[in-house]
C-alpha atoms as a PDB file:
ATOM      1  CA  MET A   1      52.655  28.443 -19.295  1.00  0.00           C
ATOM      2  CA  PRO A   2      54.617  25.244 -18.661  1.00  0.00           C
ATOM      3  CA  GLY A   3      52.967  22.106 -17.321  1.00  0.00           C
ATOM      4  CA  LEU A   4      53.674  20.784 -13.833  1.00  0.00           C
ATOM      5  CA  GLN A   5      56.033  18.139 -15.196  1.00  0.00           C
ATOM      6  CA  GLN A   6      57.968  20.786 -17.101  1.00  0.00           C
ATOM      7  CA  PHE A   7      58.067  23.129 -14.105  1.00  0.00           C
ATOM      8  CA  PHE A   8      59.160  20.593 -11.488  1.00  0.00           C
ATOM      9  CA  GLY A   9      61.288  18.507 -13.846  1.00  0.00           C
ATOM     10  CA  THR A  10      63.571  21.284 -15.144  1.00  0.00           C
ATOM     11  CA  TRP A  11      66.910  21.680 -13.365  1.00  0.00           C
ATOM     12  CA  ALA A  12      70.141  23.523 -14.189  1.00  0.00           C
ATOM     13  CA  MET A  13      73.364  24.139 -12.262  1.00  0.00           C
ATOM     14  CA  ASP A  14      74.082  27.700 -11.102  1.00  0.00           C
ATOM     15  CA  PRO A  15      77.640  28.037  -9.719  1.00  0.00           C
ATOM     16  CA  TRP A  16      76.856  31.360  -8.020  1.00  0.00           C
ATOM     17  CA  ALA A  17      73.897  29.861  -6.165  1.00  0.00           C
ATOM     18  CA  LEU A  18      75.875  26.742  -5.277  1.00  0.00           C
ATOM     19  CA  ALA A  19      78.656  28.880  -3.789  1.00  0.00           C
ATOM     20  CA  LEU A  20      76.147  30.805  -1.653  1.00  0.00           C
ATOM     21  CA  VAL A  21      74.430  27.609  -0.442  1.00  0.00           C
ATOM     22  CA  LEU A  22      77.745  26.019   0.545  1.00  0.00           C
ATOM     23  CA  ALA A  23      79.014  29.197   2.238  1.00  0.00           C
ATOM     24  CA  ALA A  24      75.797  29.908   4.163  1.00  0.00           C
ATOM     25  CA  GLY A  25      75.268  26.267   5.116  1.00  0.00           C
ATOM     26  CA  GLY A  26      78.891  25.870   6.197  1.00  0.00           C
ATOM     27  CA  LEU A  27      78.899  29.008   8.342  1.00  0.00           C
ATOM     28  CA  TYR A  28      75.640  28.024  10.018  1.00  0.00           C
ATOM     29  CA  ALA A  29      76.972  24.509  10.701  1.00  0.00           C
ATOM     30  CA  PHE A  30      80.162  26.008  12.144  1.00  0.00           C
ATOM     31  CA  GLY A  31      78.050  28.200  14.444  1.00  0.00           C
ATOM     32  CA  LEU A  32      76.019  25.186  15.563  1.00  0.00           C
ATOM     33  CA  ALA A  33      79.208  23.287  16.393  1.00  0.00           C
ATOM     34  CA  ARG A  34      80.573  26.202  18.425  1.00  0.00           C
ATOM     35  CA  VAL A  35      77.305  26.594  20.314  1.00  0.00           C
ATOM     36  CA  ARG A  36      77.168  22.879  21.068  1.00  0.00           C
ATOM     37  CA  THR A  37      80.761  22.978  22.344  1.00  0.00           C
ATOM     38  CA  ALA A  38      79.778  25.827  24.665  1.00  0.00           C
ATOM     39  CA  GLY A  39      77.001  23.647  26.083  1.00  0.00           C
ATOM     40  CA  THR A  40      74.084  25.547  24.546  1.00  0.00           C
ATOM     41  CA  ARG A  41      71.254  23.788  22.730  1.00  0.00           C
ATOM     42  CA  TRP A  42      70.035  25.482  19.571  1.00  0.00           C
ATOM     43  CA  PRO A  43      66.356  24.773  18.768  1.00  0.00           C
ATOM     44  CA  VAL A  44      65.967  22.047  16.155  1.00  0.00           C
ATOM     45  CA  TRP A  45      63.150  23.874  14.417  1.00  0.00           C
ATOM     46  CA  ARG A  46      65.457  26.850  13.904  1.00  0.00           C
ATOM     47  CA  VAL A  47      68.001  24.591  12.188  1.00  0.00           C
ATOM     48  CA  LEU A  48      65.339  22.987   9.999  1.00  0.00           C
ATOM     49  CA  SER A  49      63.937  26.412   9.106  1.00  0.00           C
ATOM     50  CA  PHE A  50      67.335  27.651   7.962  1.00  0.00           C
ATOM     51  CA  TYR A  51      68.358  24.574   5.975  1.00  0.00           C
ATOM     52  CA  LEU A  52      65.116  23.084   4.671  1.00  0.00           C
ATOM     53  CA  LEU A  53      62.917  26.158   4.314  1.00  0.00           C
ATOM     54  CA  GLY A  54      65.556  28.840   3.704  1.00  0.00           C
ATOM     55  CA  LEU A  55      68.356  27.185   1.742  1.00  0.00           C
ATOM     56  CA  GLY A  56      65.970  24.560   0.356  1.00  0.00           C
ATOM     57  CA  THR A  57      63.674  27.199  -1.144  1.00  0.00           C
ATOM     58  CA  TYR A  58      66.675  29.171  -2.414  1.00  0.00           C
ATOM     59  CA  SER A  59      68.032  26.026  -4.110  1.00  0.00           C
ATOM     60  CA  PHE A  60      64.671  25.214  -5.701  1.00  0.00           C
ATOM     61  CA  ILE A  61      64.410  28.745  -7.081  1.00  0.00           C
ATOM     62  CA  SER A  62      68.002  28.915  -8.310  1.00  0.00           C
ATOM     63  CA  PHE A  63      68.482  25.394  -9.677  1.00  0.00           C
ATOM     64  CA  GLY A  64      64.918  24.711 -10.802  1.00  0.00           C
ATOM     65  CA  PHE A  65      62.705  26.037 -13.580  1.00  0.00           C
ATOM     66  CA  LEU A  66      62.896  29.693 -12.513  1.00  0.00           C
ATOM     67  CA  GLY A  67      66.687  29.679 -12.562  1.00  0.00           C
ATOM     68  CA  ALA A  68      66.944  27.628 -15.765  1.00  0.00           C
ATOM     69  CA  TYR A  69      64.555  29.874 -17.744  1.00  0.00           C
ATOM     70  CA  SER A  70      65.369  33.185 -16.045  1.00  0.00           C
ATOM     71  CA  THR A  71      67.352  34.346 -19.091  1.00  0.00           C
ATOM     72  CA  ASP A  72      64.662  33.396 -21.613  1.00  0.00           C
ATOM     73  CA  LEU A  73      61.481  34.386 -19.805  1.00  0.00           C
ATOM     74  CA  ARG A  74      60.695  37.774 -18.296  1.00  0.00           C
ATOM     75  CA  TRP A  75      58.140  36.299 -15.906  1.00  0.00           C
ATOM     76  CA  ALA A  76      60.597  33.658 -14.639  1.00  0.00           C
ATOM     77  CA  PHE A  77      63.196  36.381 -14.079  1.00  0.00           C
ATOM     78  CA  SER A  78      60.714  38.598 -12.206  1.00  0.00           C
ATOM     79  CA  VAL A  79      59.330  35.775 -10.066  1.00  0.00           C
ATOM     80  CA  ARG A  80      62.840  34.629  -9.170  1.00  0.00           C
ATOM     81  CA  LEU A  81      63.927  38.105  -8.030  1.00  0.00           C
ATOM     82  CA  ALA A  82      60.732  38.688  -6.049  1.00  0.00           C
ATOM     83  CA  LEU A  83      61.057  35.358  -4.236  1.00  0.00           C
ATOM     84  CA  LEU A  84      64.757  35.927  -3.537  1.00  0.00           C
ATOM     85  CA  LEU A  85      64.053  39.367  -2.056  1.00  0.00           C
ATOM     86  CA  PHE A  86      60.861  38.744  -0.111  1.00  0.00           C
ATOM     87  CA  VAL A  87      60.406  35.024   0.620  1.00  0.00           C
ATOM     88  CA  VAL A  88      63.854  33.422   0.977  1.00  0.00           C
ATOM     89  CA  PRO A  89      65.174  36.007   3.522  1.00  0.00           C
ATOM     90  CA  ILE A  90      62.154  35.503   5.784  1.00  0.00           C
ATOM     91  CA  LEU A  91      62.672  31.723   5.765  1.00  0.00           C
ATOM     92  CA  LEU A  92      66.408  32.074   6.407  1.00  0.00           C
ATOM     93  CA  ALA A  93      65.767  34.573   9.200  1.00  0.00           C
ATOM     94  CA  LEU A  94      63.629  32.000  11.039  1.00  0.00           C
ATOM     95  CA  GLY A  95      66.916  30.244  11.805  1.00  0.00           C
ATOM     96  CA  LEU A  96      68.139  33.371  13.667  1.00  0.00           C
ATOM     97  CA  PRO A  97      71.576  33.494  11.978  1.00  0.00           C
ATOM     98  CA  LEU A  98      72.589  36.626  13.894  1.00  0.00           C
ATOM     99  CA  GLY A  99      71.546  35.127  17.205  1.00  0.00           C
ATOM    100  CA  LEU A 100      73.516  31.979  16.403  1.00  0.00           C
ATOM    101  CA  ALA A 101      76.587  34.052  15.512  1.00  0.00           C
ATOM    102  CA  GLN A 102      76.374  35.935  18.805  1.00  0.00           C
ATOM    103  CA  ALA A 103      76.028  32.686  20.755  1.00  0.00           C
ATOM    104  CA  ALA A 104      78.921  31.074  18.860  1.00  0.00           C
ATOM    105  CA  ILE A 105      81.427  33.908  19.353  1.00  0.00           C
ATOM    106  CA  THR A 106      82.956  33.602  22.811  1.00  0.00           C
ATOM    107  CA  SER A 107      85.640  36.272  22.483  1.00  0.00           C
ATOM    108  CA  PRO A 108      84.318  39.564  23.936  1.00  0.00           C
ATOM    109  CA  GLY A 109      86.633  41.617  21.712  1.00  0.00           C
ATOM    110  CA  LEU A 110      85.601  39.842  18.501  1.00  0.00           C
ATOM    111  CA  ARG A 111      81.936  40.001  19.453  1.00  0.00           C
ATOM    112  CA  ARG A 112      82.232  43.721  20.160  1.00  0.00           C
ATOM    113  CA  GLY A 113      84.058  44.332  16.884  1.00  0.00           C
ATOM    114  CA  LEU A 114      81.500  42.463  14.782  1.00  0.00           C
ATOM    115  CA  SER A 115      78.665  44.185  16.606  1.00  0.00           C
ATOM    116  CA  THR A 116      80.203  47.577  15.870  1.00  0.00           C
ATOM    117  CA  ALA A 117      80.800  46.702  12.208  1.00  0.00           C
ATOM    118  CA  GLY A 118      77.228  45.529  11.717  1.00  0.00           C
ATOM    119  CA  ARG A 119      75.522  48.293  13.668  1.00  0.00           C
ATOM    120  CA  TRP A 120      75.377  50.816  10.811  1.00  0.00           C
ATOM    121  CA  PRO A 121      74.027  48.415   8.123  1.00  0.00           C
ATOM    122  CA  MET A 122      71.422  47.047  10.535  1.00  0.00           C
ATOM    123  CA  LYS A 123      70.404  50.545  11.601  1.00  0.00           C
ATOM    124  CA  PHE A 124      70.183  51.806   8.012  1.00  0.00           C
ATOM    125  CA  PHE A 125      68.324  48.875   6.472  1.00  0.00           C
ATOM    126  CA  GLY A 126      66.194  48.477   9.599  1.00  0.00           C
ATOM    127  CA  ASN A 127      64.887  52.014   9.075  1.00  0.00           C
ATOM    128  CA  ALA A 128      61.154  51.846   8.433  1.00  0.00           C
ATOM    129  CA  ALA A 129      61.443  54.062   5.341  1.00  0.00           C
ATOM    130  CA  VAL A 130      64.138  52.006   3.586  1.00  0.00           C
ATOM    131  CA  ALA A 131      62.278  48.766   2.789  1.00  0.00           C
ATOM    132  CA  PRO A 132      59.495  50.420   0.709  1.00  0.00           C
ATOM    133  CA  LEU A 133      62.097  52.349  -1.285  1.00  0.00           C
ATOM    134  CA  VAL A 134      64.272  49.293  -1.913  1.00  0.00           C
ATOM    135  CA  GLY A 135      61.408  47.216  -3.283  1.00  0.00           C
ATOM    136  CA  LEU A 136      60.020  50.084  -5.353  1.00  0.00           C
ATOM    137  CA  LEU A 137      63.392  51.013  -6.871  1.00  0.00           C
ATOM    138  CA  LEU A 138      64.401  47.424  -7.599  1.00  0.00           C
ATOM    139  CA  PHE A 139      61.199  46.425  -9.357  1.00  0.00           C
ATOM    140  CA  SER A 140      60.778  49.788 -11.077  1.00  0.00           C
ATOM    141  CA  ALA A 141      63.911  48.791 -12.998  1.00  0.00           C
ATOM    142  CA  MET A 142      61.708  46.149 -14.668  1.00  0.00           C
ATOM    143  CA  LEU A 143      60.107  49.045 -16.546  1.00  0.00           C
ATOM    144  CA  THR A 144      63.406  50.026 -18.182  1.00  0.00           C
ATOM    145  CA  PRO A 145      65.981  48.446 -20.544  1.00  0.00           C
ATOM    146  CA  LEU A 146      68.090  47.778 -17.437  1.00  0.00           C
ATOM    147  CA  ALA A 147      65.900  44.726 -16.809  1.00  0.00           C
ATOM    148  CA  GLY A 148      66.745  43.290 -20.217  1.00  0.00           C
ATOM    149  CA  PHE A 149      70.449  43.909 -19.683  1.00  0.00           C
ATOM    150  CA  ALA A 150      70.418  42.273 -16.234  1.00  0.00           C
ATOM    151  CA  ARG A 151      68.433  39.294 -17.492  1.00  0.00           C
ATOM    152  CA  LEU A 152      70.726  38.598 -20.457  1.00  0.00           C
ATOM    153  CA  SER A 153      74.060  39.350 -18.748  1.00  0.00           C
ATOM    154  CA  ALA A 154      75.642  36.349 -17.028  1.00  0.00           C
ATOM    155  CA  PRO A 155      77.726  38.441 -14.560  1.00  0.00           C
ATOM    156  CA  MET A 156      74.670  40.517 -13.593  1.00  0.00           C
ATOM    157  CA  GLU A 157      72.596  37.366 -13.168  1.00  0.00           C
ATOM    158  CA  GLY A 158      75.250  35.995 -10.822  1.00  0.00           C
ATOM    159  CA  LEU A 159      75.427  39.189  -8.780  1.00  0.00           C
ATOM    160  CA  LEU A 160      71.637  39.252  -8.435  1.00  0.00           C
ATOM    161  CA  THR A 161      71.594  35.573  -7.408  1.00  0.00           C
ATOM    162  CA  VAL A 162      73.918  36.324  -4.496  1.00  0.00           C
ATOM    163  CA  GLY A 163      73.120  39.951  -3.733  1.00  0.00           C
ATOM    164  CA  ILE A 164      69.308  39.986  -3.709  1.00  0.00           C
ATOM    165  CA  PRO A 165      68.791  37.450  -0.866  1.00  0.00           C
ATOM    166  CA  LEU A 166      71.536  39.145   1.177  1.00  0.00           C
ATOM    167  CA  LEU A 167      69.795  42.489   0.655  1.00  0.00           C
ATOM    168  CA  GLY A 168      66.518  40.910   1.732  1.00  0.00           C
ATOM    169  CA  LEU A 169      68.176  39.580   4.883  1.00  0.00           C
ATOM    170  CA  LEU A 170      69.372  43.075   5.785  1.00  0.00           C
ATOM    171  CA  LEU A 171      65.767  44.259   5.525  1.00  0.00           C
ATOM    172  CA  VAL A 172      64.280  41.371   7.522  1.00  0.00           C
ATOM    173  CA  LEU A 173      66.824  40.674  10.283  1.00  0.00           C
ATOM    174  CA  PRO A 174      66.162  43.902  12.255  1.00  0.00           C
ATOM    175  CA  ILE A 175      62.546  42.741  12.580  1.00  0.00           C
ATOM    176  CA  THR A 176      63.102  39.047  13.311  1.00  0.00           C
ATOM    177  CA  GLU A 177      66.148  39.159  15.584  1.00  0.00           C
ATOM    178  CA  ALA A 178      65.079  39.558  19.194  1.00  0.00           C
ATOM    179  CA  GLY A 179      68.359  41.219  20.116  1.00  0.00           C
ATOM    180  CA  THR A 180      67.643  44.353  18.107  1.00  0.00           C
ATOM    181  CA  ARG A 181      66.268  47.068  20.361  1.00  0.00           C
ATOM    182  CA  THR A 182      63.076  48.871  19.508  1.00  0.00           C
ATOM    183  CA  THR A 183      60.151  50.693  21.088  1.00  0.00           C
ATOM    184  CA  THR A 184      56.405  50.608  20.593  1.00  0.00           C
ATOM    185  CA  SER A 185      56.450  54.070  18.997  1.00  0.00           C
ATOM    186  CA  LEU A 186      59.091  52.961  16.479  1.00  0.00           C
ATOM    187  CA  LEU A 187      57.121  49.799  15.714  1.00  0.00           C
ATOM    188  CA  MET A 188      53.998  51.883  15.092  1.00  0.00           C
ATOM    189  CA  LEU A 189      56.010  53.898  12.562  1.00  0.00           C
ATOM    190  CA  GLN A 190      57.166  50.649  10.959  1.00  0.00           C
ATOM    191  CA  PHE A 191      53.541  49.564  10.697  1.00  0.00           C
ATOM    192  CA  VAL A 192      52.769  52.739   8.747  1.00  0.00           C
ATOM    193  CA  PHE A 193      55.646  52.191   6.329  1.00  0.00           C
ATOM    194  CA  ALA A 194      54.744  48.510   5.981  1.00  0.00           C
ATOM    195  CA  PHE A 195      51.305  49.513   4.699  1.00  0.00           C
ATOM    196  CA  ILE A 196      52.932  52.068   2.399  1.00  0.00           C
ATOM    197  CA  GLU A 197      55.158  49.273   1.094  1.00  0.00           C
ATOM    198  CA  LEU A 198      52.078  47.099   0.584  1.00  0.00           C
ATOM    199  CA  LEU A 199      50.738  49.733  -1.823  1.00  0.00           C
ATOM    200  CA  ALA A 200      54.032  50.830  -3.408  1.00  0.00           C
ATOM    201  CA  ASP A 201      55.232  47.325  -4.291  1.00  0.00           C
ATOM    202  CA  ALA A 202      52.184  46.835  -6.494  1.00  0.00           C
ATOM    203  CA  ILE A 203      53.006  49.760  -8.777  1.00  0.00           C
ATOM    204  CA  PRO A 204      55.725  48.142 -10.982  1.00  0.00           C
ATOM    205  CA  GLY A 205      53.668  44.973 -11.439  1.00  0.00           C
ATOM    206  CA  ILE A 206      50.555  46.925 -12.401  1.00  0.00           C
ATOM    207  CA  LEU A 207      52.482  49.038 -14.916  1.00  0.00           C
ATOM    208  CA  LEU A 208      54.058  45.947 -16.463  1.00  0.00           C
ATOM    209  CA  ARG A 209      50.650  44.315 -16.765  1.00  0.00           C
ATOM    210  CA  LEU A 210      48.864  47.282 -18.312  1.00  0.00           C
ATOM    211  CA  ASN A 211      51.568  48.464 -20.728  1.00  0.00           C
ATOM    212  CA  ASN A 212      51.067  47.528 -24.388  1.00  0.00           C
ATOM    213  CA  ALA A 213      54.743  47.875 -25.352  1.00  0.00           C
ATOM    214  CA  VAL A 214      57.692  45.680 -24.360  1.00  0.00           C
ATOM    215  CA  LEU A 215      59.683  47.850 -21.974  1.00  0.00           C
ATOM    216  CA  ASP A 216      62.982  46.044 -21.433  1.00  0.00           C
ATOM    217  CA  GLY A 217      64.143  46.377 -25.039  1.00  0.00           C
ATOM    218  CA  ALA A 218      65.233  42.725 -25.237  1.00  0.00           C
ATOM    219  CA  ALA A 219      64.572  40.778 -28.413  1.00  0.00           C
ATOM    220  CA  ALA A 220      62.478  37.645 -28.510  1.00  0.00           C
ATOM    221  CA  VAL A 221      64.198  34.333 -27.823  1.00  0.00           C
ATOM    222  CA  SER A 222      65.851  33.083 -31.011  1.00  0.00           C
ATOM    223  CA  GLY A 223      65.820  29.498 -32.239  1.00  0.00           C
ATOM    224  CA  ALA A 224      63.355  26.747 -31.463  1.00  0.00           C
ATOM    225  CA  ARG A 225      60.986  27.488 -28.603  1.00  0.00           C
ATOM    226  CA  PRO A 226      58.630  25.218 -26.655  1.00  0.00           C
ATOM    227  CA  ALA A 227      54.987  25.494 -27.663  1.00  0.00           C
ATOM    228  CA  TRP A 228      54.054  27.014 -24.320  1.00  0.00           C
ATOM    229  CA  PHE A 229      56.475  29.968 -24.662  1.00  0.00           C
ATOM    230  CA  PRO A 230      54.561  33.294 -24.629  1.00  0.00           C
ATOM    231  CA  ASN A 231      55.275  36.127 -27.036  1.00  0.00           C
ATOM    232  CA  PRO A 232      57.314  39.061 -25.592  1.00  0.00           C
ATOM    233  CA  LEU A 233      54.281  41.186 -24.694  1.00  0.00           C
ATOM    234  CA  ARG A 234      52.439  38.311 -23.045  1.00  0.00           C
ATOM    235  CA  ASP A 235      55.665  37.393 -21.263  1.00  0.00           C
ATOM    236  CA  GLN A 236      55.848  40.923 -19.843  1.00  0.00           C
ATOM    237  CA  GLN A 237      52.199  40.813 -18.784  1.00  0.00           C
ATOM    238  CA  LEU A 238      52.758  37.535 -16.941  1.00  0.00           C
ATOM    239  CA  ALA A 239      55.782  39.091 -15.235  1.00  0.00           C
ATOM    240  CA  GLY A 240      53.568  41.950 -14.070  1.00  0.00           C
ATOM    241  CA  ASP A 241      50.873  39.581 -12.802  1.00  0.00           C
ATOM    242  CA  TRP A 242      53.293  37.458 -10.790  1.00  0.00           C
ATOM    243  CA  LEU A 243      55.287  40.432  -9.519  1.00  0.00           C
ATOM    244  CA  TRP A 244      52.141  42.146  -8.291  1.00  0.00           C
ATOM    245  CA  PHE A 245      50.897  38.996  -6.533  1.00  0.00           C
ATOM    246  CA  ILE A 246      54.198  38.013  -4.858  1.00  0.00           C
ATOM    247  CA  CYS A 247      55.074  41.514  -3.671  1.00  0.00           C
ATOM    248  CA  GLU A 248      51.654  41.960  -2.094  1.00  0.00           C
ATOM    249  CA  ALA A 249      51.550  38.490  -0.510  1.00  0.00           C
ATOM    250  CA  ALA A 250      55.117  38.745   0.833  1.00  0.00           C
ATOM    251  CA  ASP A 251      54.316  41.930   2.773  1.00  0.00           C
ATOM    252  CA  LEU A 252      51.776  40.108   4.959  1.00  0.00           C
ATOM    253  CA  PRO A 253      54.350  38.043   6.953  1.00  0.00           C
ATOM    254  CA  ILE A 254      56.278  41.261   7.653  1.00  0.00           C
ATOM    255  CA  ILE A 255      53.143  42.885   9.060  1.00  0.00           C
ATOM    256  CA  ILE A 256      52.506  39.780  11.188  1.00  0.00           C
ATOM    257  CA  LEU A 257      56.114  39.845  12.489  1.00  0.00           C
ATOM    258  CA  LEU A 258      55.757  43.534  13.334  1.00  0.00           C
ATOM    259  CA  PHE A 259      52.527  42.792  15.215  1.00  0.00           C
ATOM    260  CA  VAL A 260      54.230  40.029  17.224  1.00  0.00           C
ATOM    261  CA  ARG A 261      57.194  42.291  18.070  1.00  0.00           C
ATOM    262  CA  PHE A 262      54.821  45.120  19.003  1.00  0.00           C
ATOM    263  CA  SER A 263      52.952  42.817  21.376  1.00  0.00           C
ATOM    264  CA  GLN A 264      56.178  41.577  22.976  1.00  0.00           C
ATOM    265  CA  THR A 265      57.691  45.070  23.246  1.00  0.00           C
ATOM    266  CA  ASP A 266      54.507  46.572  24.684  1.00  0.00           C
ATOM    267  CA  LYS A 267      54.338  43.783  27.271  1.00  0.00           C
ATOM    268  CA  GLY A 268      57.972  44.378  28.231  1.00  0.00           C
ATOM    269  CA  GLU A 269      57.521  48.148  28.550  1.00  0.00           C
ATOM    270  CA  SER A 270      54.370  47.655  30.639  1.00  0.00           C
ATOM    271  CA  LYS A 271      56.251  45.288  32.951  1.00  0.00           C
ATOM    272  CA  VAL A 272      59.027  47.860  33.459  1.00  0.00           C
ATOM    273  CA  LEU A 273      56.485  50.568  34.298  1.00  0.00           C
ATOM    274  CA  ASP A 274      54.594  48.282  36.687  1.00  0.00           C
ATOM    275  CA  GLU A 275      57.810  47.521  38.591  1.00  0.00           C
ATOM    276  CA  MET A 276      58.674  51.200  39.062  1.00  0.00           C
ATOM    277  CA  SER A 277      57.967  52.810  42.433  1.00  0.00           C
ATOM    278  CA  ASP A 278      55.734  55.865  42.862  1.00  0.00           C
ATOM    279  CA  ASP A 279      58.778  58.115  43.310  1.00  0.00           C
ATOM    280  CA  GLU A 280      60.373  56.766  40.127  1.00  0.00           C
ATOM    281  CA  MET A 281      57.124  57.314  38.193  1.00  0.00           C
ATOM    282  CA  ASP A 282      56.872  60.888  39.500  1.00  0.00           C
ATOM    283  CA  ALA A 283      60.482  61.556  38.483  1.00  0.00           C
ATOM    284  CA  LEU A 284      59.817  60.081  35.026  1.00  0.00           C
ATOM    285  CA  ASN A 285      56.709  62.216  34.539  1.00  0.00           C
ATOM    286  CA  GLU A 286      58.540  65.364  35.657  1.00  0.00           C
ATOM    287  CA  ALA A 287      61.382  64.650  33.242  1.00  0.00           C
ATOM    288  CA  HIS A 288      58.899  64.087  30.426  1.00  0.00           C
ATOM    289  CA  LEU A 289      56.999  67.319  31.170  1.00  0.00           C
ATOM    290  CA  PHE A 290      60.236  69.287  31.511  1.00  0.00           C
ATOM    291  CA  ARG A 291      61.563  67.996  28.183  1.00  0.00           C
ATOM    292  CA  HIS A 292      58.387  68.884  26.306  1.00  0.00           C
ATOM    293  CA  GLY A 293      57.849  72.167  28.107  1.00  0.00           C
ATOM    294  CA  SER A 294      61.310  73.555  27.448  1.00  0.00           C
END
């Protein structure tokens, strides 16, 4: 393993990551300017979360040691993908990019059109069963030669650098954005799938750690190597260790977010029921009994 000086002192330019940082930062800044022009104040901590925590963490991962050695080291490649899928989207989502976009768009027609265009992706990726499958399928690829091809292919590396955090955002935004409608029963179902994901995400990491053969089919790094470079099998085992740890740890914030949304949704539903009159409650109960009795 590298020393702290090696880890924090290694930097390399990634044009794909730079393009994403400039695009995301520019769009968010444009939204802030539009909101300010409309006379609305956007919370400062949301802005800092998006830029410093979200884009800052993404930049550290992409331009730092993990990005520089992603091609040479299996564990750096695995850690980078896991952080881009699970950690960076959560930090970016704290800035409420969708909420900012809705506040910045003043044209009713444009707002309606964008809402319609984004409804299907949000509904699909917000499905409680999708997130466990996405994580399991993505990291199960680490057990196949596809991982070696993706790690050593510059175009694939670029697509993963841009695509993985965007995919993670699609999975996280339906949970973090207050504007997405949900119910307590749906949130309970999401809790169940979140615990399933907690178990399923560990499987690829465990298999990588316990396997005694190099699974990605990639050859060892040629030429001079630093003294701390592991051999291919040890490299794979480290990838399994880190993948297992990050995937398990990253599921905990999702469970916490679901708990917070459940508490807020339950409080809102209770308030609606408390404000209903006796006649309205009787009509609601009759409709419920009729629907289940027919």
